[in-house]
Structures are given as structure tokens and as C-alpha cells.
Amino acid sequence: MESTEPDATAKAVPATDPEPAEKPAETLSQEEEKVSKRELKRRRKEAEWKQKKEQLKKAKDKEKINKSKQKRARHAFAAADGATKEVVDEETGQIVEKKVNRKERKELWKQMIKTCMKVVIDCDFAECMSDKELNSLSKQIMYCHSENKKAIKPVNLILTGCGDISFQGRLNQHSAYNWGIDIYPKKKESGENQDEESKEEAKGESHSCYSQLFDKTKLVYLTADSPNTLESFDDDKIYIIGGIVDRNRHKNICFNKATKHEIGHAKFPIMENVNIGDYSTVLTVNQVMSIILAVKKYDNDWKKALEETLPKRKTQKIKGKKAKESMKQKEEK
């Protein structure tokens, strides 16, 4: 019979250690929190910095694209009107095309803006301003010219009422007389004698210069005090910006001047499109110019233009129809 007893010679199988029980998820998360709290903070800051860096990069790329678009727009007229010119080669006698140089491109730009909508800056307010304010005005005019040259749809910028000798000197500091725009009255040469009679003549010319240059029926004075609201720009009209920096001391000065000279006047539809709260609708000269160029760019889309150009501290949100309703309620009250 076979023995049922275990074989003494058989090797004993070593007992294996039991597998350790898995720790609860709560315990793991607590340990991870204890170990990597500082690390998580560091990673969060790093992620925030990467996000910010990405946003800055996108903004920079967008600005670069906009600059390139503006550059192409500035010289689009050169391509349209002939970025090249035909010249006769001296050696072969054949007609060849040659690129226009910078000076010739500048002349082409001068010719092009003559066909654009006219915008006049009325600078006949020198007596109402201090030296500091005159300096500020000359800088604002410089910004206007600079932005106009970069604009996709530029305007024909004209300065009138520049009869004040000190203001002419400030314009000359910014090389305004070399910009290729019309400035009235013409600057007196330094060698000419400025007697009392010539000063009075220049002063009289500056007071009504734009009314002498253009048809009064086409003039529209842009002033925030006007009861008329401008809906769109007409290329056949001539729009006047009051060239004055007075910190709002002289109330209704531009509106009264337009009324006195029997000139049309209008204001921008700011309240109808943008909620500016308690801020004033009175704008600086260069802000008015920026709005004009933006409205031309966006084909009379006032909402888009005002949102882009108005100072951010003034704009809260685009209101649309709600703005009109609130304005009607105010008028009824």
C-alpha cells in the first residue's frame, strides 16, 4: 500500500510574503500634498508665466502684422499709380522700367492725398492758449500727420489759422512745413520784416482762412456742443477740427465760431454707441483725427471705430440700442 505520510526528503516550499494592501486614494493625495505643495505652487507660477508669455507673443505678432499691413497700405498708391517709371536707357536707347525713389514716392503721396476727403485743423485760437498748451497742440498735430500717413484710407490734412508767429515756430520745430501738407497762412521767411501792418494782415487772413479757401456750404465744424449728430462722412464735405487745448476752460468756443460764420456743425455719435459714464465727450485734436481715420477704415462703422480709438478709461462697453433708449429717457425727463 502506498504511504500517505509526507515525504521527509521533499523540499519545503518557502512561504511567500503577502502582497501589501493598496493605500487609500485619500492617503496618497495627502502625502502628495505634503510633499509637493511648494512644487505645485512653483508649477502654477510657471504655467501662469507661460500663458502670459504666449499672450505677449500673440500681441507682438499681431502688432507686427498690423505694422506690415499699414506699410503695405501706405505704399499701395505707389503700386496703383506706378511704383515703377519708364525711363530711356542711355546705353541701349530702349525704354526700361525703374523703381521710384523715396523722394518720388513722397511726391506721389502728396498727389494722392489731394484727391482724398479734406480735414481742416483750425489753429486760430493761439490767443486763448498758454505757451504750454500751444506746445501740446503742435504735438497733437504731429500725431495727426503721423497717423494719417499710416492710415489705410488717409485724408487731405490742412492747417489754417496758423498766423501766430510763435505757433509757426513750434510747427517748424516738428518740421511741419516739410510734411507736404497745406498750411495757411504761408510761413513768413526769417529775413522778412514783421511790421505791425503785416502782422495785422496775417491775423486777419487767419481768422477766416478756411471760409476763403472753400465753399462755406461744404464746411462742417466738428464740435461736441453741436445739437446735430454726424451719421457718416461725405467725401465731398470738408470737416473742421477745432485746434485748441484749453482744458475745457472756454465753453462752446468752436460751436459759437461755427454759428457766427454760418458754417454747418455736427458732433460724433459717441453716446449712441459707447457707454462712457460720466466722462466728457470733448476729445483732443489727435483723438478726433483717429476717430475720423477709423470710421473711414471701417466704412462708417461707428461702434467698431469708437471702440478702437477712444481712450480705454472712457469706454466701458458697447451699448447699441440700449444707449438710444437711455438717451430718449433722459430727453423725456
Protein backbone atom coordinates (compact mmCIF):
# COMPACT_ATOMS: atom_id res chain seq x y z
CA MET A 1 0.00 0.00 0.00
CA GLU A 2 1.19 3.47 -0.70
CA SER A 3 2.14 5.55 2.31
CA THR A 4 0.03 8.62 2.91
CA GLU A 5 2.66 10.27 5.06
CA PRO A 6 4.55 13.19 3.59
CA ASP A 7 7.95 12.56 2.10
CA ALA A 8 10.54 13.73 4.54
CA THR A 9 13.06 14.25 1.80
CA ALA A 10 10.82 16.71 -0.15
CA LYS A 11 11.91 20.30 -0.01
CA ALA A 12 9.65 22.67 1.82
CA VAL A 13 8.24 25.41 -0.31
CA PRO A 14 9.09 28.77 1.26
CA ALA A 15 6.06 30.81 2.19
CA THR A 16 5.66 33.93 0.06
CA ASP A 17 5.08 37.26 1.74
CA PRO A 18 1.52 38.51 1.33
CA GLU A 19 1.14 41.42 -1.14
CA PRO A 20 0.92 44.76 0.64
CA ALA A 21 -2.56 46.20 0.64
CA GLU A 22 -3.08 49.27 -1.61
CA LYS A 23 -3.23 52.55 0.26
CA PRO A 24 -6.42 54.52 0.01
CA ALA A 25 -6.52 57.38 -2.53
CA GLU A 26 -7.10 59.89 0.24
CA THR A 27 -3.85 58.85 1.94
CA LEU A 28 -1.92 59.24 -1.36
CA SER A 29 -3.32 62.68 -2.05
CA GLN A 30 -2.50 63.81 1.49
CA GLU A 31 1.08 62.56 1.16
CA GLU A 32 1.39 64.18 -2.28
CA GLU A 33 0.11 67.45 -0.87
CA LYS A 34 2.58 67.31 2.00
CA VAL A 35 5.48 66.55 -0.31
CA SER A 36 4.72 68.77 -3.35
CA LYS A 37 2.86 71.80 -2.04
CA ARG A 38 5.77 74.10 -2.85
CA GLU A 39 6.33 72.29 -6.11
CA LEU A 40 2.68 72.78 -7.10
CA LYS A 41 2.98 76.47 -6.33
CA ARG A 42 6.11 76.70 -8.47
CA ARG A 43 4.41 74.86 -11.33
CA ARG A 44 1.35 77.09 -11.12
CA LYS A 45 3.51 80.20 -11.34
CA GLU A 46 5.42 78.70 -14.24
CA ALA A 47 2.15 77.89 -16.04
CA GLU A 48 0.88 81.43 -15.47
CA TRP A 49 4.12 82.89 -16.81
CA LYS A 50 3.97 80.64 -19.89
CA GLN A 51 0.39 81.73 -20.53
CA LYS A 52 1.32 85.39 -20.13
CA LYS A 53 4.35 84.92 -22.37
CA GLU A 54 2.13 83.32 -25.01
CA GLN A 55 -0.30 86.22 -24.84
CA LEU A 56 2.53 88.75 -25.15
CA LYS A 57 3.90 86.85 -28.14
CA LYS A 58 0.50 86.84 -29.82
CA ALA A 59 0.06 90.57 -29.16
CA LYS A 60 3.53 91.26 -30.54
CA ASP A 61 2.86 89.16 -33.64
CA LYS A 62 -0.46 90.92 -34.16
CA GLU A 63 1.24 94.32 -33.85
CA LYS A 64 3.88 93.21 -36.33
CA ILE A 65 1.20 92.09 -38.79
CA ASN A 66 -0.68 95.38 -38.37
CA LYS A 67 2.51 97.35 -38.99
CA SER A 68 3.22 95.39 -42.13
CA LYS A 69 -0.37 95.96 -43.30
CA GLN A 70 -0.04 99.67 -42.65
CA LYS A 71 3.25 99.74 -44.51
CA ARG A 72 1.70 97.98 -47.50
CA ALA A 73 -1.26 100.34 -47.34
CA ARG A 74 0.99 103.42 -47.28
CA HIS A 75 2.70 102.34 -50.46
CA ALA A 76 -0.34 100.80 -52.15
CA PHE A 77 -0.82 104.03 -54.09
CA ALA A 78 2.68 103.63 -55.49
CA ALA A 79 1.77 100.24 -56.92
CA ALA A 80 -1.51 101.60 -58.28
CA ASP A 81 -0.17 104.83 -59.73
CA GLY A 82 3.07 103.25 -60.90
CA ALA A 83 5.67 102.08 -58.43
CA THR A 84 7.94 101.96 -61.45
CA LYS A 85 8.51 104.57 -64.07
CA GLU A 86 9.58 104.27 -67.67
CA VAL A 87 13.00 105.70 -68.48
CA VAL A 88 15.24 105.56 -71.51
CA ASP A 89 18.41 103.50 -71.05
CA GLU A 90 21.39 105.62 -72.11
CA GLU A 91 23.40 102.65 -73.41
CA THR A 92 20.76 100.75 -75.40
CA GLY A 93 18.31 103.59 -76.02
CA GLN A 94 15.43 101.30 -75.05
CA ILE A 95 12.63 102.15 -72.64
CA VAL A 96 13.03 100.29 -69.34
CA GLU A 97 11.13 100.34 -66.05
CA LYS A 98 12.81 101.79 -62.99
CA LYS A 99 11.60 101.84 -59.38
CA VAL A 100 10.66 105.20 -57.95
CA ASN A 101 12.89 106.51 -55.18
CA ARG A 102 11.83 107.80 -51.78
CA LYS A 103 11.56 111.42 -52.91
CA GLU A 104 9.39 110.49 -55.87
CA ARG A 105 7.21 108.29 -53.64
CA LYS A 106 6.69 111.27 -51.35
CA GLU A 107 5.59 113.38 -54.31
CA LEU A 108 3.16 110.62 -55.33
CA TRP A 109 1.73 110.61 -51.79
CA LYS A 110 1.23 114.38 -51.98
CA GLN A 111 -0.64 113.99 -55.24
CA MET A 112 -2.74 111.13 -53.88
CA ILE A 113 -3.98 112.92 -50.72
CA LYS A 114 -5.15 115.86 -52.84
CA THR A 115 -7.95 113.58 -54.08
CA CYS A 116 -8.94 112.42 -50.54
CA MET A 117 -11.53 113.87 -48.16
CA LYS A 118 -10.39 117.21 -46.72
CA VAL A 119 -9.93 117.62 -42.95
CA VAL A 120 -9.01 121.09 -41.70
CA ILE A 121 -7.48 121.82 -38.29
CA ASP A 122 -8.46 125.36 -37.30
CA CYS A 123 -5.49 126.72 -35.32
CA ASP A 124 -6.86 130.24 -34.91
CA PHE A 125 -7.04 130.02 -31.10
CA ALA A 126 -3.48 131.00 -30.15
CA GLU A 127 -4.70 133.96 -28.05
CA CYS A 128 -6.76 131.58 -25.88
CA MET A 129 -3.84 129.28 -25.04
CA SER A 130 -0.74 129.41 -22.89
CA ASP A 131 2.75 128.51 -24.17
CA LYS A 132 2.41 125.03 -22.66
CA GLU A 133 -0.92 124.49 -24.40
CA LEU A 134 0.50 125.71 -27.72
CA ASN A 135 3.29 123.15 -27.38
CA SER A 136 0.71 120.47 -26.68
CA LEU A 137 -1.31 121.46 -29.75
CA SER A 138 1.73 121.32 -32.03
CA LYS A 139 2.49 117.79 -30.76
CA GLN A 140 -1.10 116.70 -31.30
CA ILE A 141 -0.95 117.96 -34.89
CA MET A 142 2.28 116.00 -35.36
CA TYR A 143 0.48 112.85 -34.14
CA CYS A 144 -2.35 113.57 -36.58
CA HIS A 145 0.04 113.75 -39.53
CA SER A 146 1.92 110.63 -38.42
CA GLU A 147 -1.27 108.59 -38.06
CA ASN A 148 -2.60 109.89 -41.37
CA LYS A 149 0.49 108.65 -43.20
CA LYS A 150 -0.01 105.17 -41.71
CA ALA A 151 -3.75 105.07 -42.40
CA ILE A 152 -5.27 102.66 -44.89
CA LYS A 153 -7.59 105.44 -46.07
CA PRO A 154 -5.77 108.75 -45.43
CA VAL A 155 -7.30 112.22 -45.65
CA ASN A 156 -6.12 115.51 -47.07
CA LEU A 157 -4.94 117.25 -43.87
CA ILE A 158 -4.90 121.06 -44.00
CA LEU A 159 -3.90 123.57 -41.29
CA THR A 160 -5.48 127.02 -41.19
CA GLY A 161 -5.26 129.95 -38.82
CA CYS A 162 -1.51 129.49 -38.28
CA GLY A 163 -0.80 133.23 -38.32
CA ASP A 164 0.69 133.38 -34.82
CA ILE A 165 4.48 133.72 -35.17
CA SER A 166 5.26 131.74 -32.01
CA PHE A 167 2.98 128.91 -33.12
CA GLN A 168 4.68 128.87 -36.52
CA GLY A 169 7.97 128.41 -34.69
CA ARG A 170 6.55 125.41 -32.81
CA LEU A 171 5.31 123.87 -36.07
CA ASN A 172 8.75 124.45 -37.57
CA GLN A 173 10.34 122.53 -34.68
CA HIS A 174 8.38 119.45 -35.83
CA SER A 175 9.31 120.13 -39.50
CA ALA A 176 5.62 120.66 -40.29
CA TYR A 177 6.45 122.81 -43.31
CA ASN A 178 8.22 119.82 -44.88
CA TRP A 179 5.33 117.37 -44.41
CA GLY A 180 3.85 118.11 -47.80
CA ILE A 181 0.53 119.44 -46.41
CA ASP A 182 -1.08 122.84 -46.92
CA ILE A 183 -0.56 125.29 -44.03
CA TYR A 184 -2.29 128.69 -44.10
CA PRO A 185 -1.28 131.46 -43.95
CA LYS A 186 2.07 130.70 -45.50
CA LYS A 187 5.06 130.92 -43.20
CA LYS A 188 6.96 134.21 -43.38
CA GLU A 189 10.62 133.90 -44.16
CA SER A 190 13.00 134.78 -41.33
CA GLY A 191 14.56 137.59 -43.38
CA GLU A 192 11.26 139.39 -43.89
CA ASN A 193 10.41 142.33 -41.65
CA GLN A 194 7.39 141.66 -39.46
CA ASP A 195 5.95 145.15 -39.12
CA GLU A 196 2.59 145.89 -37.47
CA GLU A 197 0.80 146.11 -40.81
CA SER A 198 1.96 142.65 -41.96
CA LYS A 199 1.06 141.15 -38.58
CA GLU A 200 -2.44 142.57 -38.79
CA GLU A 201 -2.75 141.30 -42.35
CA ALA A 202 -1.70 137.78 -41.29
CA LYS A 203 -4.05 137.94 -38.32
CA GLY A 204 -6.98 138.99 -40.50
CA GLU A 205 -6.20 136.28 -43.03
CA SER A 206 -6.07 133.59 -40.35
CA HIS A 207 -9.49 134.46 -38.87
CA SER A 208 -11.49 133.41 -41.93
CA CYS A 209 -8.94 131.43 -43.90
CA TYR A 210 -10.93 128.21 -44.33
CA SER A 211 -14.04 130.15 -45.34
CA GLN A 212 -11.99 131.91 -48.02
CA LEU A 213 -10.41 128.71 -49.27
CA PHE A 214 -13.53 126.55 -49.54
CA ASP A 215 -17.21 126.76 -50.28
CA LYS A 216 -18.99 127.52 -46.98
CA THR A 217 -21.87 125.21 -47.88
CA LYS A 218 -19.44 122.25 -47.78
CA LEU A 219 -17.89 123.08 -44.40
CA VAL A 220 -18.82 121.07 -41.29
CA TYR A 221 -17.33 122.10 -37.93
CA LEU A 222 -16.88 119.10 -35.62
CA THR A 223 -17.77 120.12 -32.07
CA ALA A 224 -19.17 118.20 -29.10
CA ASP A 225 -21.50 121.15 -28.33
CA SER A 226 -23.45 120.81 -31.58
CA PRO A 227 -27.06 119.54 -31.41
CA ASN A 228 -26.56 117.79 -34.77
CA THR A 229 -25.25 114.21 -34.82
CA LEU A 230 -22.99 113.06 -37.63
CA GLU A 231 -24.12 109.78 -39.18
CA SER A 232 -21.45 109.26 -41.84
CA PHE A 233 -18.63 111.07 -43.61
CA ASP A 234 -19.16 112.55 -47.04
CA ASP A 235 -16.06 112.87 -49.22
CA ASP A 236 -17.49 115.99 -50.81
CA LYS A 237 -17.71 117.75 -47.44
CA ILE A 238 -14.84 119.49 -45.64
CA TYR A 239 -14.63 118.71 -41.92
CA ILE A 240 -13.06 121.16 -39.46
CA ILE A 241 -11.42 120.22 -36.15
CA GLY A 242 -11.03 122.96 -33.55
CA GLY A 243 -7.30 123.23 -32.87
CA ILE A 244 -7.45 124.27 -29.24
CA VAL A 245 -6.05 122.89 -25.97
CA ASP A 246 -7.80 124.74 -23.15
CA ARG A 247 -8.64 122.03 -20.56
CA ASN A 248 -12.31 122.85 -21.29
CA ARG A 249 -11.99 126.45 -19.98
CA HIS A 250 -13.66 128.09 -22.99
CA LYS A 251 -17.16 126.64 -23.23
CA ASN A 252 -18.80 126.36 -26.70
CA ILE A 253 -15.93 128.26 -28.35
CA CYS A 254 -15.93 126.13 -31.54
CA PHE A 255 -19.73 125.91 -31.70
CA ASN A 256 -20.07 129.69 -31.30
CA LYS A 257 -17.47 130.27 -34.02
CA ALA A 258 -19.29 127.95 -36.43
CA THR A 259 -22.60 129.66 -35.69
CA LYS A 260 -21.08 133.12 -36.10
CA HIS A 261 -19.58 132.25 -39.51
CA GLU A 262 -22.79 130.42 -40.57
CA ILE A 263 -20.97 127.13 -41.02
CA GLY A 264 -22.52 123.68 -40.64
CA HIS A 265 -21.64 121.82 -37.43
CA ALA A 266 -22.04 118.31 -36.02
CA LYS A 267 -20.88 116.01 -33.23
CA PHE A 268 -19.80 112.36 -33.24
CA PRO A 269 -22.45 109.76 -32.22
CA ILE A 270 -20.48 108.73 -29.14
CA MET A 271 -23.35 108.43 -26.65
CA GLU A 272 -25.36 106.38 -29.15
CA ASN A 273 -22.64 103.73 -29.47
CA VAL A 274 -20.42 103.74 -26.38
CA ASN A 275 -21.10 103.91 -22.67
CA ILE A 276 -18.63 106.49 -21.33
CA GLY A 277 -20.34 107.03 -18.00
CA ASP A 278 -19.72 110.49 -16.55
CA TYR A 279 -16.76 111.21 -18.83
CA SER A 280 -16.93 114.19 -21.20
CA THR A 281 -17.42 113.76 -24.94
CA VAL A 282 -14.86 116.53 -25.55
CA LEU A 283 -11.81 114.99 -27.28
CA THR A 284 -8.29 116.11 -28.13
CA VAL A 285 -7.33 117.03 -31.69
CA ASN A 286 -5.46 113.78 -32.35
CA GLN A 287 -8.30 111.70 -30.84
CA VAL A 288 -10.77 113.31 -33.26
CA MET A 289 -8.38 112.57 -36.13
CA SER A 290 -8.02 108.94 -35.01
CA ILE A 291 -11.81 108.52 -35.00
CA ILE A 292 -12.13 110.02 -38.49
CA LEU A 293 -9.49 107.64 -39.89
CA ALA A 294 -11.02 104.64 -38.09
CA VAL A 295 -14.54 105.41 -39.35
CA LYS A 296 -13.17 105.71 -42.89
CA LYS A 297 -11.28 102.45 -42.42
CA TYR A 298 -14.36 100.55 -41.19
CA ASP A 299 -16.72 102.12 -43.75
CA ASN A 300 -18.75 104.25 -41.31
CA ASP A 301 -18.97 101.54 -38.63
CA TRP A 302 -19.02 103.89 -35.62
CA LYS A 303 -19.16 101.17 -32.97
CA LYS A 304 -16.02 99.48 -34.21
CA ALA A 305 -14.19 102.76 -34.76
CA LEU A 306 -15.04 104.24 -31.35
CA GLU A 307 -14.22 101.02 -29.54
CA GLU A 308 -10.78 101.01 -31.17
CA THR A 309 -9.87 104.69 -30.83
CA LEU A 310 -11.46 106.11 -27.66
CA PRO A 311 -9.30 106.02 -24.50
CA LYS A 312 -9.89 102.81 -22.55
CA ARG A 313 -10.65 104.75 -19.38
CA LYS A 314 -13.68 106.27 -21.12
CA THR A 315 -15.14 103.18 -22.76
CA GLN A 316 -16.99 100.70 -20.59
CA LYS A 317 -19.00 98.67 -23.09
CA ILE A 318 -20.71 99.00 -26.44
CA LYS A 319 -24.37 99.59 -25.76
CA GLY A 320 -26.11 99.78 -29.14
CA LYS A 321 -29.91 100.04 -28.86
CA LYS A 322 -29.86 100.36 -25.05
CA ALA A 323 -27.89 103.59 -25.41
CA LYS A 324 -30.57 105.12 -27.63
CA GLU A 325 -33.31 104.09 -25.20
CA SER A 326 -31.48 105.61 -22.23
CA MET A 327 -30.83 108.80 -24.20
CA LYS A 328 -34.55 109.09 -25.05
CA GLN A 329 -35.45 108.62 -21.41
CA LYS A 330 -33.05 111.39 -20.39
CA GLU A 331 -34.52 113.73 -23.02
CA GLU A 332 -38.07 112.98 -21.83
CA LYS A 333 -37.10 113.79 -18.24
